[in-house]
Amino acid sequence: MDLGSMICTPINPTCKNCPIQNKCKSFQLNLQNMIPVKTSKSQKKEKNINWLLIASKDKVLLKRNVNKGIWQNLWLFPEANSLNYEKFNLLEEKESLPLIVHNLSHQKLSIFTKKYFLKNKDRLPIDRRGFVWVNKKESVKMGIPKPVKTILENHL
């Protein structure tokens, strides 16, 4: 292992100091600057997410993610396409939050979040099996991914 880290380096190998130079195929074929071949990492898939931060007094609406894939069964903000037009009209738009870029091992997520306010949370008909109203303190006890936690800490 010392040979690989000190002598047989990918850039500028010091073959003249190598104790096994006479047995080295790379040296014999004059390929020491080409071997080892660096493999390029596969590029991460990029995905855009559009969340709605819906607040009512000290509560915020979260939705359980039942979809397979990332953050399955964790609590997230509802996505923009999860509310129909009638429900959407009950909301008062406040602001667009700063873009969050969240890197996973295989994906780069660009998270766009718009903050909305609702005077009376009971006016918004929701399916209580998949949605829940929580305050900031309660959300800490729930399974939420880091981007949701960051948004709650900074914008609620």
Protein backbone atom coordinates (compact mmCIF):
# COMPACT_ATOMS: atom_id res chain seq x y z
CA MET A 1 0.00 0.00 0.00
CA ASP A 2 2.92 2.32 0.62
CA LEU A 3 3.99 1.88 -3.01
CA GLY A 4 0.61 3.09 -4.24
CA SER A 5 0.45 6.07 -1.92
CA MET A 6 4.07 7.24 -2.21
CA ILE A 7 5.62 5.97 -5.46
CA CYS A 8 2.99 4.65 -7.89
CA THR A 9 0.79 7.75 -7.76
CA PRO A 10 -1.80 8.56 -10.46
CA ILE A 11 0.01 11.81 -11.32
CA ASN A 12 3.82 11.95 -11.68
CA PRO A 13 4.77 8.48 -10.40
CA THR A 14 8.39 8.18 -9.19
CA CYS A 15 9.25 4.94 -10.95
CA LYS A 16 13.00 5.38 -10.42
CA ASN A 17 12.45 4.84 -6.66
CA CYS A 18 10.26 1.76 -7.11
CA PRO A 19 11.69 -1.54 -5.78
CA ILE A 20 9.56 -3.61 -8.21
CA GLN A 21 10.23 -1.52 -11.32
CA ASN A 22 11.66 -4.48 -13.27
CA LYS A 23 8.39 -6.44 -12.81
CA CYS A 24 6.03 -3.53 -13.55
CA LYS A 25 4.08 -3.88 -16.83
CA SER A 26 3.16 -0.17 -16.81
CA PHE A 27 6.82 0.80 -16.67
CA GLN A 28 7.86 -1.76 -19.33
CA LEU A 29 5.16 -0.50 -21.73
CA ASN A 30 5.73 3.17 -20.77
CA LEU A 31 2.11 3.54 -19.65
CA GLN A 32 2.71 4.71 -16.08
CA ASN A 33 1.05 8.10 -16.76
CA MET A 34 -2.07 6.38 -18.15
CA ILE A 35 -2.55 3.66 -15.56
CA PRO A 36 -4.62 3.50 -13.42
CA VAL A 37 -7.49 4.76 -15.54
CA LYS A 38 -9.75 7.07 -13.60
CA THR A 39 -13.39 6.17 -13.93
CA SER A 40 -15.74 9.10 -14.06
CA LYS A 41 -18.45 9.21 -11.46
CA SER A 42 -21.96 8.91 -12.79
CA GLN A 43 -23.75 12.20 -12.67
CA LYS A 44 -26.43 12.66 -10.03
CA LYS A 45 -30.01 12.87 -11.16
CA GLU A 46 -31.54 16.27 -10.55
CA LYS A 47 -35.04 16.67 -9.17
CA ASN A 48 -37.14 19.77 -8.47
CA ILE A 49 -39.50 19.76 -5.50
CA ASN A 50 -42.21 22.40 -4.96
CA TRP A 51 -43.36 22.54 -1.35
CA LEU A 52 -46.09 24.58 0.31
CA LEU A 53 -45.38 25.81 3.84
CA ILE A 54 -48.92 26.36 5.08
CA ALA A 55 -49.02 28.07 8.47
CA SER A 56 -51.99 28.86 10.67
CA LYS A 57 -51.10 30.74 13.85
CA ASP A 58 -48.39 28.57 15.46
CA LYS A 59 -49.18 25.41 13.47
CA VAL A 60 -47.92 24.10 10.14
CA LEU A 61 -49.39 21.46 7.83
CA LEU A 62 -47.32 18.33 7.20
CA LYS A 63 -48.10 15.38 4.93
CA ARG A 64 -46.89 11.81 5.36
CA ASN A 65 -44.90 10.70 2.32
CA VAL A 66 -46.41 7.37 1.27
CA ASN A 67 -44.46 7.29 -2.01
CA LYS A 68 -41.60 4.87 -2.41
CA GLY A 69 -38.16 6.36 -2.80
CA ILE A 70 -36.58 9.12 -0.80
CA TRP A 71 -38.10 10.03 2.57
CA GLN A 72 -40.72 7.27 2.47
CA ASN A 73 -43.04 7.45 5.53
CA LEU A 74 -41.45 10.70 6.74
CA TRP A 75 -43.41 13.91 7.23
CA LEU A 76 -42.96 16.56 4.52
CA PHE A 77 -44.63 19.77 3.46
CA PRO A 78 -47.44 19.21 0.96
CA GLU A 79 -46.35 19.50 -2.65
CA ALA A 80 -47.89 22.17 -4.86
CA ASN A 81 -49.93 19.62 -6.82
CA SER A 82 -51.46 18.02 -3.70
CA LEU A 83 -54.12 20.73 -3.18
CA ASN A 84 -56.98 21.31 -5.55
CA TYR A 85 -58.00 24.77 -6.77
CA GLU A 86 -60.76 25.27 -4.17
CA LYS A 87 -58.42 24.50 -1.26
CA PHE A 88 -55.69 26.63 -2.76
CA ASN A 89 -58.00 29.67 -2.86
CA LEU A 90 -58.33 29.57 0.94
CA LEU A 91 -54.63 30.35 1.34
CA GLU A 92 -52.99 33.75 1.53
CA GLU A 93 -49.58 33.79 -0.14
CA LYS A 94 -46.87 35.33 2.03
CA GLU A 95 -43.49 34.79 0.39
CA SER A 96 -41.19 32.55 -1.58
CA LEU A 97 -38.49 31.08 0.62
CA PRO A 98 -34.86 30.81 -0.51
CA LEU A 99 -33.99 27.85 -2.69
CA ILE A 100 -32.58 24.84 -0.84
CA VAL A 101 -30.22 22.51 -2.67
CA HIS A 102 -30.02 19.17 -0.88
CA ASN A 103 -27.56 16.54 -2.09
CA LEU A 104 -28.16 12.86 -1.60
CA SER A 105 -25.74 10.17 -2.71
CA HIS A 106 -27.59 9.65 -6.00
CA GLN A 107 -29.72 12.78 -6.42
CA LYS A 108 -29.46 16.55 -6.29
CA LEU A 109 -32.70 18.05 -5.01
CA SER A 110 -33.67 21.66 -5.71
CA ILE A 111 -36.38 22.53 -3.20
CA PHE A 112 -38.61 25.52 -3.91
CA THR A 113 -40.91 26.51 -1.05
CA LYS A 114 -43.71 29.06 -0.94
CA LYS A 115 -45.09 30.16 2.40
CA TYR A 116 -48.84 30.56 2.79
CA PHE A 117 -51.00 31.68 5.69
CA LEU A 118 -54.42 30.41 6.66
CA LYS A 119 -56.44 32.30 9.28
CA ASN A 120 -58.49 29.31 10.38
CA LYS A 121 -56.87 25.90 9.81
CA ASP A 122 -60.24 24.16 10.27
CA ARG A 123 -61.49 25.76 7.03
CA LEU A 124 -59.02 23.68 5.02
CA PRO A 125 -60.55 20.23 4.48
CA ILE A 126 -57.77 17.64 4.72
CA ASP A 127 -57.55 13.88 5.00
CA ARG A 128 -56.54 13.38 8.65
CA ARG A 129 -54.95 10.02 7.82
CA GLY A 130 -52.25 11.61 5.67
CA PHE A 131 -52.03 15.19 6.93
CA VAL A 132 -51.43 16.68 10.35
CA TRP A 133 -51.21 20.17 11.87
CA VAL A 134 -48.23 20.49 14.24
CA ASN A 135 -46.36 23.25 16.00
CA LYS A 136 -42.60 23.63 15.87
CA LYS A 137 -42.06 21.82 19.18
CA GLU A 138 -44.17 18.81 18.14
CA SER A 139 -42.41 18.50 14.78
CA VAL A 140 -39.09 17.72 16.51
CA LYS A 141 -40.57 14.44 17.76
CA MET A 142 -41.69 13.40 14.26
CA GLY A 143 -39.74 11.78 11.47
CA ILE A 144 -38.85 14.70 9.24
CA PRO A 145 -35.97 15.04 6.76
CA LYS A 146 -33.27 17.68 7.18
CA PRO A 147 -34.64 20.18 4.59
CA VAL A 148 -38.03 20.24 6.37
CA LYS A 149 -36.31 20.72 9.71
CA THR A 150 -34.22 23.58 8.30
CA ILE A 151 -37.28 25.35 6.89
CA LEU A 152 -39.19 24.97 10.17
CA GLU A 153 -36.27 26.34 12.17
CA ASN A 154 -35.72 29.34 9.90
CA HIS A 155 -39.18 30.28 8.65
CA LEU A 156 -41.77 29.40 11.26
